[in-house]
Each structure stands twice: as C-alpha cells, then as structure tokens.
C-alpha cells in the first residue's frame, strides 16, 4: 500500500494570533488519536480576509477557527451560518460540509459544557451575572438564555455597547436579560448563582489585574467563572477561592469549545484530558 505523506489541515486565522494557544491543544488531540492532521496558526489582516477564505477553499482545509478581528466579518464569506451563530452574530469555527463552508459558534457551547461537566451545574433556572459585553459575553449570554436561565444581568462600563447587546439578545431570545452600567466596584447581588468574568481583565501579562467586584453580599452557593485561560488561576478566581466559593477557570471553556470544534471537523470525540494537559503545560511559568 503506498504511503501518504499529506496531512489534513485546520487553521486559526486572526490578527494578532501569535499568542493564541488553540494549536497546542488541537495538535495534541490529533497526535493522541493517531490522526494525520495539522493545526496551523496564521496571521491574516482584515484586508486579506476574503483572499484567506478563497485559500481555505482552494487548499481543502477541513475547518478553521476565526478569532479577533474576524468573527463577524467572516460571516459574509461563508456558504451558510448555523442558526445559533446567526443569533449570536459571530462565528468562531468553520466546518466543511462537502464543498460548503458552514459557520458555527462554539464559545458559548463550550462554556455551558464546562459548566455542566466540570462544575456540575445546570444553568436552567439560575440567576447569572455576566461582566462585559464583548464577543465572549455575547456568546455566553445567548447560550445561557437558550438554556433557560431565570435571569441574566449584563454589567459593562460602556452603556451604549451593553444596552445595545442586551436589547438585541433579549428581543431575539425572549429571555429576561437586563443591563447595568459597571460602577467603581460592582456589588454581587445575593440572589446570584453564576458570576462570569467575560472580559479580558487578568489575561497574561496583566496577571495582577482583576474585575472590580464587591463580594460582601455574595451567596455561599455562588459559582464564579472566568473566561481568561492564561493564567488558569486568575486573581479574580483566587479572591473567590479565598471566600470559599466554587470556581470554574477559563481553561474549561477553551478546552470544551475546542473539543466541539474537533468533533465537527473529524467526526470523533475529542480527548479532552489530553487537550487540557497540553494547555496547562503551555501556560506553566
């Protein structure tokens, strides 16, 4: 039987992407399952996005991740966008279906999967507070709404951005989503079940930064979540642990959204433990 020296290709396209760790966990997953696949990390400027999509098609890539600043702009270059990704208004994962490129959003799904599998919590009927109104917040709020959260409060420093997102998502989902402007220090309401930092505050190298939060009224049942994956133990989560609150780190969302993408591309279940360990080693001091 002739040898095959080719590899199936998947890529991450963004600008900048030099510190994006997705390839670390995906390539570890490919190796663990003995797949002749390769994940590439490629810098693509906004001006070159259209040409890059032509390249994805011409080179036969099996899929791709799109990160800042392409998550919205890429949608116009795709053949189809999944309904939930259209609802969120952004695509972070593209899968190939024959000759078609299909846009998906795995961010919020990855967060919910981590919530259920790693923290053992179902968001249905829970009250959630989401800090931030960027892309991660948008995906998380949408998925929490679709999962039946009892109430979702979005807190953001820029009222215009937060109010616009909340109005749009509340209208599209019919869920009880409301907005508050972030004060100097946000006091966590006592009925909050989930507190999610969906900002980049605390992301390496700004490891001493933390979202300004007043914990004085927080319930002991509160689950504190951070989407920042590096470092996995942010100062925000350290403060929560000091108050003996349950926490869920950003590696959970990163790994689970990657596992969903892996399954979309390969049709196989992802080796989640392998992916998580690869990231922990990559983020080690």
Protein backbone atom coordinates (compact mmCIF):
# COMPACT_ATOMS: atom_id res chain seq x y z
CA UNK A 1 0.00 0.00 0.00
CA UNK A 2 1.50 3.40 -0.98
CA UNK A 3 2.44 5.78 1.80
CA UNK A 4 0.51 9.01 2.26
CA UNK A 5 2.68 11.97 3.29
CA UNK A 6 -0.12 14.54 3.19
CA UNK A 7 -1.93 15.95 6.21
CA UNK A 8 -5.47 17.16 6.69
CA UNK A 9 -5.27 20.84 7.60
CA UNK A 10 -7.15 23.07 10.03
CA UNK A 11 -6.15 26.62 10.86
CA UNK A 12 -6.68 29.55 13.18
CA UNK A 13 -6.93 32.89 11.36
CA UNK A 14 -6.75 36.19 13.18
CA UNK A 15 -4.75 39.34 13.80
CA UNK A 16 -2.85 39.04 16.09
CA UNK A 17 -2.59 35.28 16.71
CA UNK A 18 0.98 34.76 17.92
CA UNK A 19 -0.16 34.08 21.49
CA UNK A 20 -3.23 32.05 20.55
CA UNK A 21 -2.82 28.59 22.21
CA UNK A 22 -5.52 26.68 20.27
CA UNK A 23 -3.00 24.83 18.12
CA UNK A 24 -1.30 23.42 21.21
CA UNK A 25 -4.39 21.53 22.33
CA UNK A 26 -5.67 20.59 18.86
CA UNK A 27 -2.35 19.17 17.68
CA UNK A 28 -2.04 17.25 20.96
CA UNK A 29 -5.51 15.81 20.33
CA UNK A 30 -4.62 14.82 16.75
CA UNK A 31 -1.47 13.03 17.96
CA UNK A 32 -3.33 11.27 20.78
CA UNK A 33 -5.78 9.74 18.30
CA UNK A 34 -3.13 8.98 15.69
CA UNK A 35 -4.63 11.36 13.12
CA UNK A 36 -2.51 12.72 10.29
CA UNK A 37 -3.90 16.19 10.83
CA UNK A 38 -2.15 19.51 11.44
CA UNK A 39 -3.46 22.71 13.02
CA UNK A 40 -1.84 25.90 11.74
CA UNK A 41 -1.87 29.35 13.33
CA UNK A 42 -1.87 32.04 10.64
CA UNK A 43 -1.94 35.81 10.90
CA UNK A 44 -4.45 37.32 8.47
CA UNK A 45 -5.17 41.04 8.36
CA UNK A 46 -8.72 42.30 7.82
CA UNK A 47 -7.81 43.47 4.32
CA UNK A 48 -6.78 39.92 3.38
CA UNK A 49 -9.68 38.03 4.94
CA UNK A 50 -11.56 37.48 1.68
CA UNK A 51 -8.45 36.10 -0.02
CA UNK A 52 -7.78 33.90 3.00
CA UNK A 53 -11.24 32.30 2.67
CA UNK A 54 -10.51 31.62 -1.00
CA UNK A 55 -7.32 29.93 0.20
CA UNK A 56 -9.23 27.85 2.75
CA UNK A 57 -11.43 26.59 -0.07
CA UNK A 58 -8.61 26.06 -2.59
CA UNK A 59 -6.33 24.24 -0.16
CA UNK A 60 -9.14 21.99 1.04
CA UNK A 61 -8.85 22.86 4.72
CA UNK A 62 -11.17 20.67 6.80
CA UNK A 63 -12.10 23.59 9.01
CA UNK A 64 -10.89 26.71 10.73
CA UNK A 65 -11.14 28.92 13.77
CA UNK A 66 -11.58 32.65 13.37
CA UNK A 67 -10.59 35.00 16.13
CA UNK A 68 -10.27 38.76 16.60
CA UNK A 69 -10.99 40.73 14.46
CA UNK A 70 -12.69 38.33 12.02
CA UNK A 71 -15.57 36.73 13.95
CA UNK A 72 -18.21 38.98 12.40
CA UNK A 73 -16.62 39.84 9.05
CA UNK A 74 -16.07 36.18 8.13
CA UNK A 75 -19.82 35.53 8.03
CA UNK A 76 -20.24 37.28 4.67
CA UNK A 77 -17.73 34.90 3.06
CA UNK A 78 -19.40 31.64 4.15
CA UNK A 79 -21.98 29.48 2.41
CA UNK A 80 -24.13 29.09 5.49
CA UNK A 81 -24.21 30.17 9.13
CA UNK A 82 -25.74 27.95 11.82
CA UNK A 83 -28.89 29.45 13.43
CA UNK A 84 -27.35 29.85 16.88
CA UNK A 85 -24.23 31.51 15.43
CA UNK A 86 -26.50 33.87 13.49
CA UNK A 87 -28.34 34.62 16.74
CA UNK A 88 -25.06 35.41 18.48
CA UNK A 89 -23.95 37.42 15.46
CA UNK A 90 -20.45 35.94 15.28
CA UNK A 91 -18.61 32.86 14.02
CA UNK A 92 -15.52 31.41 15.67
CA UNK A 93 -15.49 27.98 13.99
CA UNK A 94 -15.96 26.94 10.38
CA UNK A 95 -16.55 23.36 9.31
CA UNK A 96 -16.58 21.89 5.82
CA UNK A 97 -19.66 20.07 4.53
CA UNK A 98 -18.73 18.81 1.08
CA UNK A 99 -17.72 21.96 -0.78
CA UNK A 100 -19.63 24.22 1.61
CA UNK A 101 -18.14 26.24 4.47
CA UNK A 102 -20.51 26.39 7.45
CA UNK A 103 -20.11 28.96 10.22
CA UNK A 104 -20.59 27.90 13.84
CA UNK A 105 -20.05 29.47 17.25
CA UNK A 106 -18.64 27.11 19.87
CA UNK A 107 -17.70 29.68 22.55
CA UNK A 108 -20.97 29.71 24.46
CA UNK A 109 -21.50 25.99 23.93
CA UNK A 110 -18.04 25.33 25.35
CA UNK A 111 -18.82 27.45 28.39
CA UNK A 112 -22.09 25.59 29.03
CA UNK A 113 -20.44 22.19 28.55
CA UNK A 114 -17.80 23.14 31.11
CA UNK A 115 -20.49 24.43 33.45
CA UNK A 116 -22.28 21.09 33.33
CA UNK A 117 -19.34 18.69 33.17
CA UNK A 118 -16.65 20.45 35.21
CA UNK A 119 -18.77 22.37 37.74
CA UNK A 120 -21.77 20.04 37.80
CA UNK A 121 -24.24 22.89 37.38
CA UNK A 122 -27.22 23.19 35.03
CA UNK A 123 -27.90 26.87 34.24
CA UNK A 124 -31.66 26.32 33.86
CA UNK A 125 -33.49 28.34 36.48
CA UNK A 126 -30.30 30.05 37.69
CA UNK A 127 -29.61 33.78 38.03
CA UNK A 128 -26.46 34.82 36.18
CA UNK A 129 -24.34 37.97 36.11
CA UNK A 130 -22.05 38.40 33.11
CA UNK A 131 -19.28 41.01 33.29
CA UNK A 132 -18.51 42.52 29.90
CA UNK A 133 -20.27 42.96 26.56
CA UNK A 134 -17.72 41.72 24.04
CA UNK A 135 -17.75 38.63 21.85
CA UNK A 136 -17.32 36.12 24.67
CA UNK A 137 -20.05 37.78 26.71
CA UNK A 138 -22.39 37.79 23.74
CA UNK A 139 -21.94 34.06 23.14
CA UNK A 140 -22.29 33.17 26.83
CA UNK A 141 -25.39 35.31 27.36
CA UNK A 142 -27.04 33.80 24.29
CA UNK A 143 -26.37 30.22 25.38
CA UNK A 144 -27.46 30.92 28.97
CA UNK A 145 -30.70 32.38 27.61
CA UNK A 146 -31.31 29.38 25.36
CA UNK A 147 -30.54 27.05 28.30
CA UNK A 148 -33.35 28.58 30.37
CA UNK A 149 -31.55 30.83 32.85
CA UNK A 150 -34.06 32.52 35.17
CA UNK A 151 -32.42 35.91 34.77
CA UNK A 152 -29.28 37.35 33.20
CA UNK A 153 -27.70 40.65 34.22
CA UNK A 154 -25.05 42.11 31.91
CA UNK A 155 -22.66 44.60 33.52
CA UNK A 156 -20.43 46.73 31.31
CA UNK A 157 -18.52 50.00 31.59
CA UNK A 158 -19.76 51.33 28.24
CA UNK A 159 -23.55 51.74 28.47
CA UNK A 160 -24.11 52.05 24.73
CA UNK A 161 -22.44 48.74 23.93
CA UNK A 162 -24.04 46.87 26.82
CA UNK A 163 -27.54 48.24 26.28
CA UNK A 164 -27.39 47.50 22.56
CA UNK A 165 -26.32 43.89 23.13
CA UNK A 166 -28.92 43.28 25.82
CA UNK A 167 -31.74 44.81 23.80
CA UNK A 168 -30.84 42.74 20.76
CA UNK A 169 -30.40 39.41 22.57
CA UNK A 170 -33.45 39.86 24.78
CA UNK A 171 -35.53 40.58 21.69
CA UNK A 172 -34.18 37.58 19.78
CA UNK A 173 -34.39 35.03 22.62
CA UNK A 174 -37.31 36.36 24.67
CA UNK A 175 -35.20 35.75 27.77
CA UNK A 176 -35.13 38.01 30.86
CA UNK A 177 -31.86 39.85 30.14
CA UNK A 178 -31.15 43.27 31.63
CA UNK A 179 -28.26 45.71 31.79
CA UNK A 180 -26.46 47.78 34.41
CA UNK A 181 -23.53 50.15 34.00
CA UNK A 182 -20.43 48.90 35.81
CA UNK A 183 -19.80 51.14 38.85
CA UNK A 184 -16.42 51.65 40.52
CA UNK A 185 -16.96 48.31 42.25
CA UNK A 186 -19.85 46.04 41.27
CA UNK A 187 -21.65 44.54 44.26
CA UNK A 188 -22.69 40.97 43.52
CA UNK A 189 -26.43 40.61 44.25
CA UNK A 190 -27.20 37.97 46.91
CA UNK A 191 -29.52 36.01 44.59
CA UNK A 192 -26.75 35.46 42.00
CA UNK A 193 -25.98 31.81 41.23
CA UNK A 194 -23.39 32.36 38.46
CA UNK A 195 -20.88 35.20 38.17
CA UNK A 196 -18.93 35.21 34.90
CA UNK A 197 -15.97 37.41 34.03
CA UNK A 198 -16.33 37.57 30.25
CA UNK A 199 -13.74 40.35 29.90
CA UNK A 200 -10.00 40.05 29.25
CA UNK A 201 -9.15 41.58 32.64
CA UNK A 202 -6.44 39.43 34.21
CA UNK A 203 -5.19 37.93 30.93
CA UNK A 204 -1.41 37.44 30.67
CA UNK A 205 0.68 39.53 31.01
CA UNK A 206 -1.68 41.69 33.14
CA UNK A 207 -1.92 38.92 35.75
CA UNK A 208 -2.38 41.23 38.75
CA UNK A 209 -5.48 42.88 37.28
CA UNK A 210 -8.95 41.78 38.35
CA UNK A 211 -12.52 42.92 37.69
CA UNK A 212 -13.56 45.37 40.43
CA UNK A 213 -16.13 43.36 42.38
CA UNK A 214 -17.61 43.76 45.85
CA UNK A 215 -18.22 40.30 47.33
CA UNK A 216 -19.89 41.49 50.55
CA UNK A 217 -23.39 40.28 49.67
CA UNK A 218 -22.43 37.24 47.57
CA UNK A 219 -24.15 33.98 48.49
CA UNK A 220 -22.13 30.95 49.55
CA UNK A 221 -23.71 28.99 46.68
CA UNK A 222 -22.21 31.34 44.07
CA UNK A 223 -20.19 29.78 41.24
CA UNK A 224 -17.50 32.17 39.97
CA UNK A 225 -16.35 31.68 36.37
CA UNK A 226 -13.57 33.31 34.36
CA UNK A 227 -13.10 33.06 30.59
CA UNK A 228 -9.43 34.09 30.88
CA UNK A 229 -7.41 30.90 30.19
CA UNK A 230 -3.91 32.23 30.84
CA UNK A 231 -3.19 32.12 33.70
CA UNK A 232 -5.79 29.48 34.59
CA UNK A 233 -5.83 30.72 38.20
CA UNK A 234 -6.57 34.43 37.80
CA UNK A 235 -6.58 36.90 40.68
CA UNK A 236 -10.37 37.07 40.27
CA UNK A 237 -10.65 33.32 40.91
CA UNK A 238 -8.14 33.50 43.76
CA UNK A 239 -10.34 36.05 45.50
CA UNK A 240 -13.35 33.78 45.04
CA UNK A 241 -11.45 30.79 46.45
CA UNK A 242 -10.38 32.90 49.44
CA UNK A 243 -14.10 33.30 50.15
CA UNK A 244 -14.60 29.54 49.78
CA UNK A 245 -16.67 29.95 46.66
CA UNK A 246 -16.73 27.35 43.88
CA UNK A 247 -14.82 28.42 40.75
CA UNK A 248 -14.58 27.44 37.08
CA UNK A 249 -11.44 28.56 35.24
CA UNK A 250 -11.03 29.73 31.66
CA UNK A 251 -9.34 26.51 30.57
CA UNK A 252 -12.72 24.83 30.86
CA UNK A 253 -14.38 26.99 28.21
CA UNK A 254 -11.30 26.99 25.97
CA UNK A 255 -10.93 23.21 26.03
CA UNK A 256 -14.62 22.37 25.64
CA UNK A 257 -15.20 24.80 22.78
CA UNK A 258 -12.13 23.30 21.12
CA UNK A 259 -13.45 19.80 21.71
CA UNK A 260 -16.71 20.72 20.00
CA UNK A 261 -14.76 22.05 17.01
CA UNK A 262 -12.61 18.92 16.95
CA UNK A 263 -15.71 16.74 16.72
CA UNK A 264 -17.18 18.92 13.97
CA UNK A 265 -14.01 18.56 11.88
CA UNK A 266 -13.05 14.94 12.49
CA UNK A 267 -16.33 13.29 13.45
CA UNK A 268 -14.55 11.85 16.51
CA UNK A 269 -14.88 12.55 20.22
CA UNK A 270 -12.05 14.78 21.40
CA UNK A 271 -9.56 13.59 24.07
CA UNK A 272 -10.44 16.40 26.46
CA UNK A 273 -7.96 15.37 29.17
CA UNK A 274 -5.11 15.43 26.65
CA UNK A 275 -6.12 18.87 25.40
CA UNK A 276 -6.38 20.28 28.91
CA UNK A 277 -3.00 18.89 29.95
CA UNK A 278 -1.34 20.29 26.83
CA UNK A 279 -2.63 23.77 27.67
CA UNK A 280 -1.62 23.56 31.33
CA UNK A 281 1.91 22.68 30.23
CA UNK A 282 1.94 25.52 27.70
CA UNK A 283 0.77 28.02 30.32
CA UNK A 284 3.17 26.82 33.04
CA UNK A 285 5.51 29.56 34.31
